[in-house]
């Protein structure tokens, strides 16, 4: 088992979220439904990160899976 997540893409996933809706961000990087979890993490030690939108807006979910502000992008991908 690797301690590092798979890099799904070196850039964020822009997503229009809806206020009050809950999203489960893929932390392992292996989901086929990026940036969201599809259960691919099972047995890996990774768990999806729950995100509940506070407002209707565009947010940028981390694509490299290395952000310090998971599940949102903090620009870490530019250093990988």
PDB file of N, CA and C in Angstrom:
ATOM      1  N   UNK A   1       0.838  -1.193   0.000  1.00  0.00           N
ATOM      2  CA  UNK A   1       0.000   0.000   0.000  1.00  0.00           C
ATOM      3  C   UNK A   1       0.875   1.247   0.000  1.00  0.00           C
ATOM      4  N   UNK A   2       0.538   2.181  -0.835  1.00  0.00           N
ATOM      5  CA  UNK A   2       1.271   3.440  -0.904  1.00  0.00           C
ATOM      6  C   UNK A   2       0.631   4.466   0.026  1.00  0.00           C
ATOM      7  N   UNK A   3       1.456   5.277   0.692  1.00  0.00           N
ATOM      8  CA  UNK A   3       0.938   6.327   1.560  1.00  0.00           C
ATOM      9  C   UNK A   3       0.555   7.564   0.770  1.00  0.00           C
ATOM     10  N   UNK A   4       1.028   7.670  -0.469  1.00  0.00           N
ATOM     11  CA  UNK A   4       0.753   8.842  -1.300  1.00  0.00           C
ATOM     12  C   UNK A   4      -0.441   8.574  -2.221  1.00  0.00           C
ATOM     13  N   UNK A   5      -1.341   9.552  -2.356  1.00  0.00           N
ATOM     14  CA  UNK A   5      -2.460   9.370  -3.261  1.00  0.00           C
ATOM     15  C   UNK A   5      -2.019   9.461  -4.718  1.00  0.00           C
ATOM     16  N   UNK A   6      -2.795   8.874  -5.591  1.00  0.00           N
ATOM     17  CA  UNK A   6      -2.573   8.963  -7.032  1.00  0.00           C
ATOM     18  C   UNK A   6      -2.942  10.389  -7.480  1.00  0.00           C
ATOM     19  N   UNK A   7      -2.135  11.009  -8.315  1.00  0.00           N
ATOM     20  CA  UNK A   7      -2.445  12.352  -8.822  1.00  0.00           C
ATOM     21  C   UNK A   7      -3.424  12.197  -9.975  1.00  0.00           C
ATOM     22  N   UNK A   8      -4.663  12.625  -9.752  1.00  0.00           N
ATOM     23  CA  UNK A   8      -5.694  12.503 -10.781  1.00  0.00           C
ATOM     24  C   UNK A   8      -5.424  13.483 -11.919  1.00  0.00           C
ATOM     25  N   UNK A   9      -5.039  14.710 -11.584  1.00  0.00           N
ATOM     26  CA  UNK A   9      -4.617  15.710 -12.569  1.00  0.00           C
ATOM     27  C   UNK A   9      -3.860  16.811 -11.847  1.00  0.00           C
ATOM     28  N   UNK A  10      -2.951  17.464 -12.562  1.00  0.00           N
ATOM     29  CA  UNK A  10      -2.154  18.545 -11.960  1.00  0.00           C
ATOM     30  C   UNK A  10      -2.863  19.873 -12.174  1.00  0.00           C
ATOM     31  N   UNK A  11      -3.969  20.014 -11.506  1.00  0.00           N
ATOM     32  CA  UNK A  11      -4.781  21.217 -11.563  1.00  0.00           C
ATOM     33  C   UNK A  11      -6.099  20.939 -10.872  1.00  0.00           C
ATOM     34  N   UNK A  12      -6.832  21.985 -10.508  1.00  0.00           N
ATOM     35  CA  UNK A  12      -8.096  21.798  -9.801  1.00  0.00           C
ATOM     36  C   UNK A  12      -9.242  21.385 -10.730  1.00  0.00           C
ATOM     37  N   UNK A  13     -10.298  20.877 -10.123  1.00  0.00           N
ATOM     38  CA  UNK A  13     -11.542  20.565 -10.816  1.00  0.00           C
ATOM     39  C   UNK A  13     -12.551  21.660 -10.453  1.00  0.00           C
ATOM     40  N   UNK A  14     -12.907  22.556 -11.379  1.00  0.00           N
ATOM     41  CA  UNK A  14     -13.921  23.567 -11.061  1.00  0.00           C
ATOM     42  C   UNK A  14     -15.310  22.911 -11.070  1.00  0.00           C
ATOM     43  N   UNK A  15     -16.081  23.146 -10.009  1.00  0.00           N
ATOM     44  CA  UNK A  15     -17.406  22.538  -9.876  1.00  0.00           C
ATOM     45  C   UNK A  15     -18.382  23.576  -9.342  1.00  0.00           C
ATOM     46  N   UNK A  16     -19.545  23.671  -9.971  1.00  0.00           N
ATOM     47  CA  UNK A  16     -20.633  24.512  -9.463  1.00  0.00           C
ATOM     48  C   UNK A  16     -21.353  23.702  -8.390  1.00  0.00           C
ATOM     49  N   UNK A  17     -21.271  24.154  -7.135  1.00  0.00           N
ATOM     50  CA  UNK A  17     -21.911  23.445  -6.028  1.00  0.00           C
ATOM     51  C   UNK A  17     -23.196  24.147  -5.634  1.00  0.00           C
ATOM     52  N   UNK A  18     -24.080  23.405  -4.989  1.00  0.00           N
ATOM     53  CA  UNK A  18     -25.376  23.928  -4.546  1.00  0.00           C
ATOM     54  C   UNK A  18     -25.400  24.022  -3.025  1.00  0.00           C
ATOM     55  N   UNK A  19     -25.904  25.133  -2.512  1.00  0.00           N
ATOM     56  CA  UNK A  19     -25.976  25.362  -1.071  1.00  0.00           C
ATOM     57  C   UNK A  19     -26.673  24.206  -0.362  1.00  0.00           C
ATOM     58  N   UNK A  20     -26.044  23.719   0.713  1.00  0.00           N
ATOM     59  CA  UNK A  20     -26.617  22.658   1.526  1.00  0.00           C
ATOM     60  C   UNK A  20     -26.369  21.250   1.008  1.00  0.00           C
ATOM     61  N   UNK A  21     -25.886  21.109  -0.216  1.00  0.00           N
ATOM     62  CA  UNK A  21     -25.630  19.784  -0.780  1.00  0.00           C
ATOM     63  C   UNK A  21     -24.280  19.272  -0.285  1.00  0.00           C
ATOM     64  N   UNK A  22     -24.216  17.973  -0.010  1.00  0.00           N
ATOM     65  CA  UNK A  22     -22.992  17.336   0.459  1.00  0.00           C
ATOM     66  C   UNK A  22     -22.324  16.587  -0.689  1.00  0.00           C
ATOM     67  N   UNK A  23     -21.019  16.747  -0.768  1.00  0.00           N
ATOM     68  CA  UNK A  23     -20.203  16.110  -1.799  1.00  0.00           C
ATOM     69  C   UNK A  23     -19.122  15.295  -1.106  1.00  0.00           C
ATOM     70  N   UNK A  24     -18.709  14.186  -1.724  1.00  0.00           N
ATOM     71  CA  UNK A  24     -17.642  13.370  -1.166  1.00  0.00           C
ATOM     72  C   UNK A  24     -16.481  13.357  -2.144  1.00  0.00           C
ATOM     73  N   UNK A  25     -15.435  14.098  -1.779  1.00  0.00           N
ATOM     74  CA  UNK A  25     -14.247  14.275  -2.605  1.00  0.00           C
ATOM     75  C   UNK A  25     -13.353  13.041  -2.524  1.00  0.00           C
ATOM     76  N   UNK A  26     -12.872  12.587  -3.664  1.00  0.00           N
ATOM     77  CA  UNK A  26     -11.968  11.443  -3.743  1.00  0.00           C
ATOM     78  C   UNK A  26     -10.589  11.846  -3.211  1.00  0.00           C
ATOM     79  N   UNK A  27     -10.127  11.144  -2.172  1.00  0.00           N
ATOM     80  CA  UNK A  27      -8.818  11.431  -1.588  1.00  0.00           C
ATOM     81  C   UNK A  27      -7.716  10.532  -2.142  1.00  0.00           C
ATOM     82  N   UNK A  28      -8.096   9.370  -2.689  1.00  0.00           N
ATOM     83  CA  UNK A  28      -7.082   8.423  -3.163  1.00  0.00           C
ATOM     84  C   UNK A  28      -6.601   8.730  -4.582  1.00  0.00           C
ATOM     85  N   UNK A  29      -7.433   9.421  -5.360  1.00  0.00           N
ATOM     86  CA  UNK A  29      -7.076   9.782  -6.728  1.00  0.00           C
ATOM     87  C   UNK A  29      -7.409   8.732  -7.770  1.00  0.00           C
ATOM     88  N   UNK A  30      -8.041   7.630  -7.377  1.00  0.00           N
ATOM     89  CA  UNK A  30      -8.310   6.550  -8.322  1.00  0.00           C
ATOM     90  C   UNK A  30      -9.757   6.479  -8.815  1.00  0.00           C
ATOM     91  N   UNK A  31     -10.607   7.340  -8.309  1.00  0.00           N
ATOM     92  CA  UNK A  31     -12.008   7.349  -8.722  1.00  0.00           C
ATOM     93  C   UNK A  31     -12.139   7.648 -10.217  1.00  0.00           C
ATOM     94  N   UNK A  32     -13.085   7.006 -10.856  1.00  0.00           N
ATOM     95  CA  UNK A  32     -13.387   7.275 -12.269  1.00  0.00           C
ATOM     96  C   UNK A  32     -14.354   8.453 -12.388  1.00  0.00           C
ATOM     97  N   UNK A  33     -14.840   8.973 -11.250  1.00  0.00           N
ATOM     98  CA  UNK A  33     -15.786  10.091 -11.244  1.00  0.00           C
ATOM     99  C   UNK A  33     -15.154  11.346 -10.635  1.00  0.00           C
ATOM    100  N   UNK A  34     -13.905  11.604 -10.928  1.00  0.00           N
ATOM    101  CA  UNK A  34     -13.180  12.749 -10.355  1.00  0.00           C
ATOM    102  C   UNK A  34     -13.988  14.040 -10.494  1.00  0.00           C
ATOM    103  N   UNK A  35     -13.974  14.882  -9.483  1.00  0.00           N
ATOM    104  CA  UNK A  35     -13.182  14.797  -8.259  1.00  0.00           C
ATOM    105  C   UNK A  35     -13.880  14.041  -7.133  1.00  0.00           C
ATOM    106  N   UNK A  36     -14.966  13.350  -7.461  1.00  0.00           N
ATOM    107  CA  UNK A  36     -15.765  12.707  -6.424  1.00  0.00           C
ATOM    108  C   UNK A  36     -15.476  11.219  -6.281  1.00  0.00           C
ATOM    109  N   UNK A  37     -15.773  10.703  -5.105  1.00  0.00           N
ATOM    110  CA  UNK A  37     -15.509   9.309  -4.756  1.00  0.00           C
ATOM    111  C   UNK A  37     -16.455   8.345  -5.479  1.00  0.00           C
ATOM    112  N   UNK A  38     -15.903   7.224  -5.943  1.00  0.00           N
ATOM    113  CA  UNK A  38     -16.721   6.146  -6.512  1.00  0.00           C
ATOM    114  C   UNK A  38     -16.461   4.823  -5.794  1.00  0.00           C
ATOM    115  N   UNK A  39     -15.758   4.881  -4.655  1.00  0.00           N
ATOM    116  CA  UNK A  39     -15.481   3.681  -3.874  1.00  0.00           C
ATOM    117  C   UNK A  39     -14.161   3.006  -4.208  1.00  0.00           C
ATOM    118  N   UNK A  40     -13.401   3.564  -5.133  1.00  0.00           N
ATOM    119  CA  UNK A  40     -12.131   2.958  -5.552  1.00  0.00           C
ATOM    120  C   UNK A  40     -11.098   2.884  -4.430  1.00  0.00           C
ATOM    121  N   UNK A  41     -11.300   3.634  -3.357  1.00  0.00           N
ATOM    122  CA  UNK A  41     -10.351   3.669  -2.240  1.00  0.00           C
ATOM    123  C   UNK A  41     -10.415   2.425  -1.364  1.00  0.00           C
ATOM    124  N   UNK A  42     -11.443   1.629  -1.483  1.00  0.00           N
ATOM    125  CA  UNK A  42     -11.627   0.494  -0.570  1.00  0.00           C
ATOM    126  C   UNK A  42     -10.363  -0.354  -0.452  1.00  0.00           C
ATOM    127  N   UNK A  43      -9.941  -0.579   0.798  1.00  0.00           N
ATOM    128  CA  UNK A  43      -8.753  -1.365   1.081  1.00  0.00           C
ATOM    129  C   UNK A  43      -7.454  -0.599   0.970  1.00  0.00           C
ATOM    130  N   UNK A  44      -7.520   0.704   0.682  1.00  0.00           N
ATOM    131  CA  UNK A  44      -6.304   1.485   0.463  1.00  0.00           C
ATOM    132  C   UNK A  44      -5.844   2.283   1.677  1.00  0.00           C
ATOM    133  N   UNK A  45      -6.708   2.458   2.660  1.00  0.00           N
ATOM    134  CA  UNK A  45      -6.373   3.314   3.798  1.00  0.00           C
ATOM    135  C   UNK A  45      -6.831   4.746   3.601  1.00  0.00           C
ATOM    136  N   UNK A  46      -7.303   5.089   2.405  1.00  0.00           N
ATOM    137  CA  UNK A  46      -7.832   6.420   2.127  1.00  0.00           C
ATOM    138  C   UNK A  46      -9.335   6.424   2.355  1.00  0.00           C
ATOM    139  N   UNK A  47      -9.874   7.574   2.717  1.00  0.00           N
ATOM    140  CA  UNK A  47     -11.309   7.767   2.886  1.00  0.00           C
ATOM    141  C   UNK A  47     -11.709   9.045   2.160  1.00  0.00           C
ATOM    142  N   UNK A  48     -12.920   9.096   1.599  1.00  0.00           N
ATOM    143  CA  UNK A  48     -13.360  10.335   0.952  1.00  0.00           C
ATOM    144  C   UNK A  48     -13.525  11.447   1.991  1.00  0.00           C
ATOM    145  N   UNK A  49     -13.427  12.683   1.529  1.00  0.00           N
ATOM    146  CA  UNK A  49     -13.583  13.844   2.405  1.00  0.00           C
ATOM    147  C   UNK A  49     -14.947  14.477   2.126  1.00  0.00           C
ATOM    148  N   UNK A  50     -15.728  14.623   3.181  1.00  0.00           N
ATOM    149  CA  UNK A  50     -17.068  15.203   3.076  1.00  0.00           C
ATOM    150  C   UNK A  50     -16.963  16.725   2.953  1.00  0.00           C
ATOM    151  N   UNK A  51     -17.707  17.273   2.006  1.00  0.00           N
ATOM    152  CA  UNK A  51     -17.747  18.729   1.806  1.00  0.00           C
ATOM    153  C   UNK A  51     -19.206  19.132   1.642  1.00  0.00           C
ATOM    154  N   UNK A  52     -19.672  20.058   2.472  1.00  0.00           N
ATOM    155  CA  UNK A  52     -21.036  20.569   2.357  1.00  0.00           C
ATOM    156  C   UNK A  52     -20.953  22.018   1.913  1.00  0.00           C
ATOM    157  N   UNK A  53     -21.590  22.310   0.792  1.00  0.00           N
ATOM    158  CA  UNK A  53     -21.545  23.658   0.219  1.00  0.00           C
ATOM    159  C   UNK A  53     -22.326  24.642   1.087  1.00  0.00           C
ATOM    160  N   UNK A  54     -21.711  25.791   1.327  1.00  0.00           N
ATOM    161  CA  UNK A  54     -22.354  26.840   2.118  1.00  0.00           C
ATOM    162  C   UNK A  54     -23.223  27.739   1.260  1.00  0.00           C
ATOM    163  N   UNK A  55     -22.927  27.796  -0.047  1.00  0.00           N
ATOM    164  CA  UNK A  55     -23.666  28.667  -0.964  1.00  0.00           C
ATOM    165  C   UNK A  55     -23.589  28.081  -2.372  1.00  0.00           C
ATOM    166  N   UNK A  56     -24.488  28.550  -3.235  1.00  0.00           N
ATOM    167  CA  UNK A  56     -24.398  28.201  -4.652  1.00  0.00           C
ATOM    168  C   UNK A  56     -23.219  28.987  -5.218  1.00  0.00           C
ATOM    169  N   UNK A  57     -22.187  28.285  -5.666  1.00  0.00           N
ATOM    170  CA  UNK A  57     -21.016  28.968  -6.208  1.00  0.00           C
ATOM    171  C   UNK A  57     -20.100  27.970  -6.892  1.00  0.00           C
ATOM    172  N   UNK A  58     -19.067  28.468  -7.535  1.00  0.00           N
ATOM    173  CA  UNK A  58     -18.037  27.618  -8.130  1.00  0.00           C
ATOM    174  C   UNK A  58     -16.917  27.455  -7.116  1.00  0.00           C
ATOM    175  N   UNK A  59     -16.538  26.200  -6.886  1.00  0.00           N
ATOM    176  CA  UNK A  59     -15.390  25.912  -6.031  1.00  0.00           C
ATOM    177  C   UNK A  59     -14.388  25.093  -6.842  1.00  0.00           C
ATOM    178  N   UNK A  60     -13.169  25.045  -6.370  1.00  0.00           N
ATOM    179  CA  UNK A  60     -12.109  24.334  -7.071  1.00  0.00           C
ATOM    180  C   UNK A  60     -11.611  23.196  -6.196  1.00  0.00           C
ATOM    181  N   UNK A  61     -12.070  21.978  -6.527  1.00  0.00           N
ATOM    182  CA  UNK A  61     -11.651  20.794  -5.796  1.00  0.00           C
ATOM    183  C   UNK A  61     -10.250  20.394  -6.237  1.00  0.00           C
ATOM    184  N   UNK A  62      -9.427  19.991  -5.283  1.00  0.00           N
ATOM    185  CA  UNK A  62      -8.047  19.580  -5.554  1.00  0.00           C
ATOM    186  C   UNK A  62      -8.023  18.378  -6.495  1.00  0.00           C
ATOM    187  N   UNK A  63      -7.192  18.467  -7.521  1.00  0.00           N
ATOM    188  CA  UNK A  63      -7.026  17.369  -8.469  1.00  0.00           C
ATOM    189  C   UNK A  63      -5.770  16.563  -8.217  1.00  0.00           C
ATOM    190  N   UNK A  64      -4.767  17.181  -7.580  1.00  0.00           N
ATOM    191  CA  UNK A  64      -3.499  16.476  -7.341  1.00  0.00           C
ATOM    192  C   UNK A  64      -3.540  15.634  -6.069  1.00  0.00           C
ATOM    193  N   UNK A  65      -4.537  15.882  -5.228  1.00  0.00           N
ATOM    194  CA  UNK A  65      -4.760  15.131  -3.981  1.00  0.00           C
ATOM    195  C   UNK A  65      -3.715  15.410  -2.911  1.00  0.00           C
ATOM    196  N   UNK A  66      -2.944  16.483  -3.061  1.00  0.00           N
ATOM    197  CA  UNK A  66      -1.898  16.827  -2.099  1.00  0.00           C
ATOM    198  C   UNK A  66      -2.147  18.165  -1.380  1.00  0.00           C
ATOM    199  N   UNK A  67      -3.285  18.794  -1.599  1.00  0.00           N
ATOM    200  CA  UNK A  67      -3.601  20.089  -0.997  1.00  0.00           C
ATOM    201  C   UNK A  67      -3.613  20.008   0.525  1.00  0.00           C
ATOM    202  N   UNK A  68      -3.152  21.057   1.174  1.00  0.00           N
ATOM    203  CA  UNK A  68      -3.235  21.146   2.630  1.00  0.00           C
ATOM    204  C   UNK A  68      -4.632  21.596   3.051  1.00  0.00           C
ATOM    205  N   UNK A  69      -5.446  22.034   2.100  1.00  0.00           N
ATOM    206  CA  UNK A  69      -6.803  22.524   2.388  1.00  0.00           C
ATOM    207  C   UNK A  69      -7.853  21.578   1.810  1.00  0.00           C
ATOM    208  N   UNK A  70      -7.578  20.274   1.866  1.00  0.00           N
ATOM    209  CA  UNK A  70      -8.490  19.273   1.313  1.00  0.00           C
ATOM    210  C   UNK A  70      -9.919  19.505   1.787  1.00  0.00           C
ATOM    211  N   UNK A  71     -10.886  19.450   0.924  1.00  0.00           N
ATOM    212  CA  UNK A  71     -10.855  18.956  -0.445  1.00  0.00           C
ATOM    213  C   UNK A  71     -10.603  20.032  -1.502  1.00  0.00           C
ATOM    214  N   UNK A  72     -10.356  21.258  -1.066  1.00  0.00           N
ATOM    215  CA  UNK A  72     -10.202  22.349  -2.029  1.00  0.00           C
ATOM    216  C   UNK A  72      -8.740  22.563  -2.423  1.00  0.00           C
ATOM    217  N   UNK A  73      -8.542  23.093  -3.604  1.00  0.00           N
ATOM    218  CA  UNK A  73      -7.210  23.366  -4.149  1.00  0.00           C
ATOM    219  C   UNK A  73      -6.538  24.502  -3.381  1.00  0.00           C
ATOM    220  N   UNK A  74      -5.244  24.347  -3.102  1.00  0.00           N
ATOM    221  CA  UNK A  74      -4.459  25.421  -2.493  1.00  0.00           C
ATOM    222  C   UNK A  74      -3.237  25.777  -3.335  1.00  0.00           C
ATOM    223  N   UNK A  75      -3.173  25.221  -4.560  1.00  0.00           N
ATOM    224  CA  UNK A  75      -2.063  25.528  -5.453  1.00  0.00           C
ATOM    225  C   UNK A  75      -0.886  24.581  -5.337  1.00  0.00           C
ATOM    226  N   UNK A  76      -0.978  23.576  -4.480  1.00  0.00           N
ATOM    227  CA  UNK A  76       0.120  22.630  -4.297  1.00  0.00           C
ATOM    228  C   UNK A  76       0.531  21.969  -5.609  1.00  0.00           C
ATOM    229  N   UNK A  77      -0.413  21.761  -6.524  1.00  0.00           N
ATOM    230  CA  UNK A  77      -0.121  21.092  -7.800  1.00  0.00           C
ATOM    231  C   UNK A  77       0.997  21.796  -8.579  1.00  0.00           C
ATOM    232  N   UNK A  78       1.164  23.082  -8.363  1.00  0.00           N
ATOM    233  CA  UNK A  78       2.191  23.816  -9.097  1.00  0.00           C
ATOM    234  C   UNK A  78       3.611  23.488  -8.605  1.00  0.00           C
ATOM    235  N   UNK A  79       3.709  22.792  -7.466  1.00  0.00           N
ATOM    236  CA  UNK A  79       5.015  22.420  -6.907  1.00  0.00           C
ATOM    237  C   UNK A  79       5.336  20.945  -7.113  1.00  0.00           C
ATOM    238  N   UNK A  80       4.431  20.205  -7.733  1.00  0.00           N
ATOM    239  CA  UNK A  80       4.654  18.763  -7.931  1.00  0.00           C
ATOM    240  C   UNK A  80       5.427  18.485  -9.200  1.00  0.00           C
TER     241      UNK A  80
END
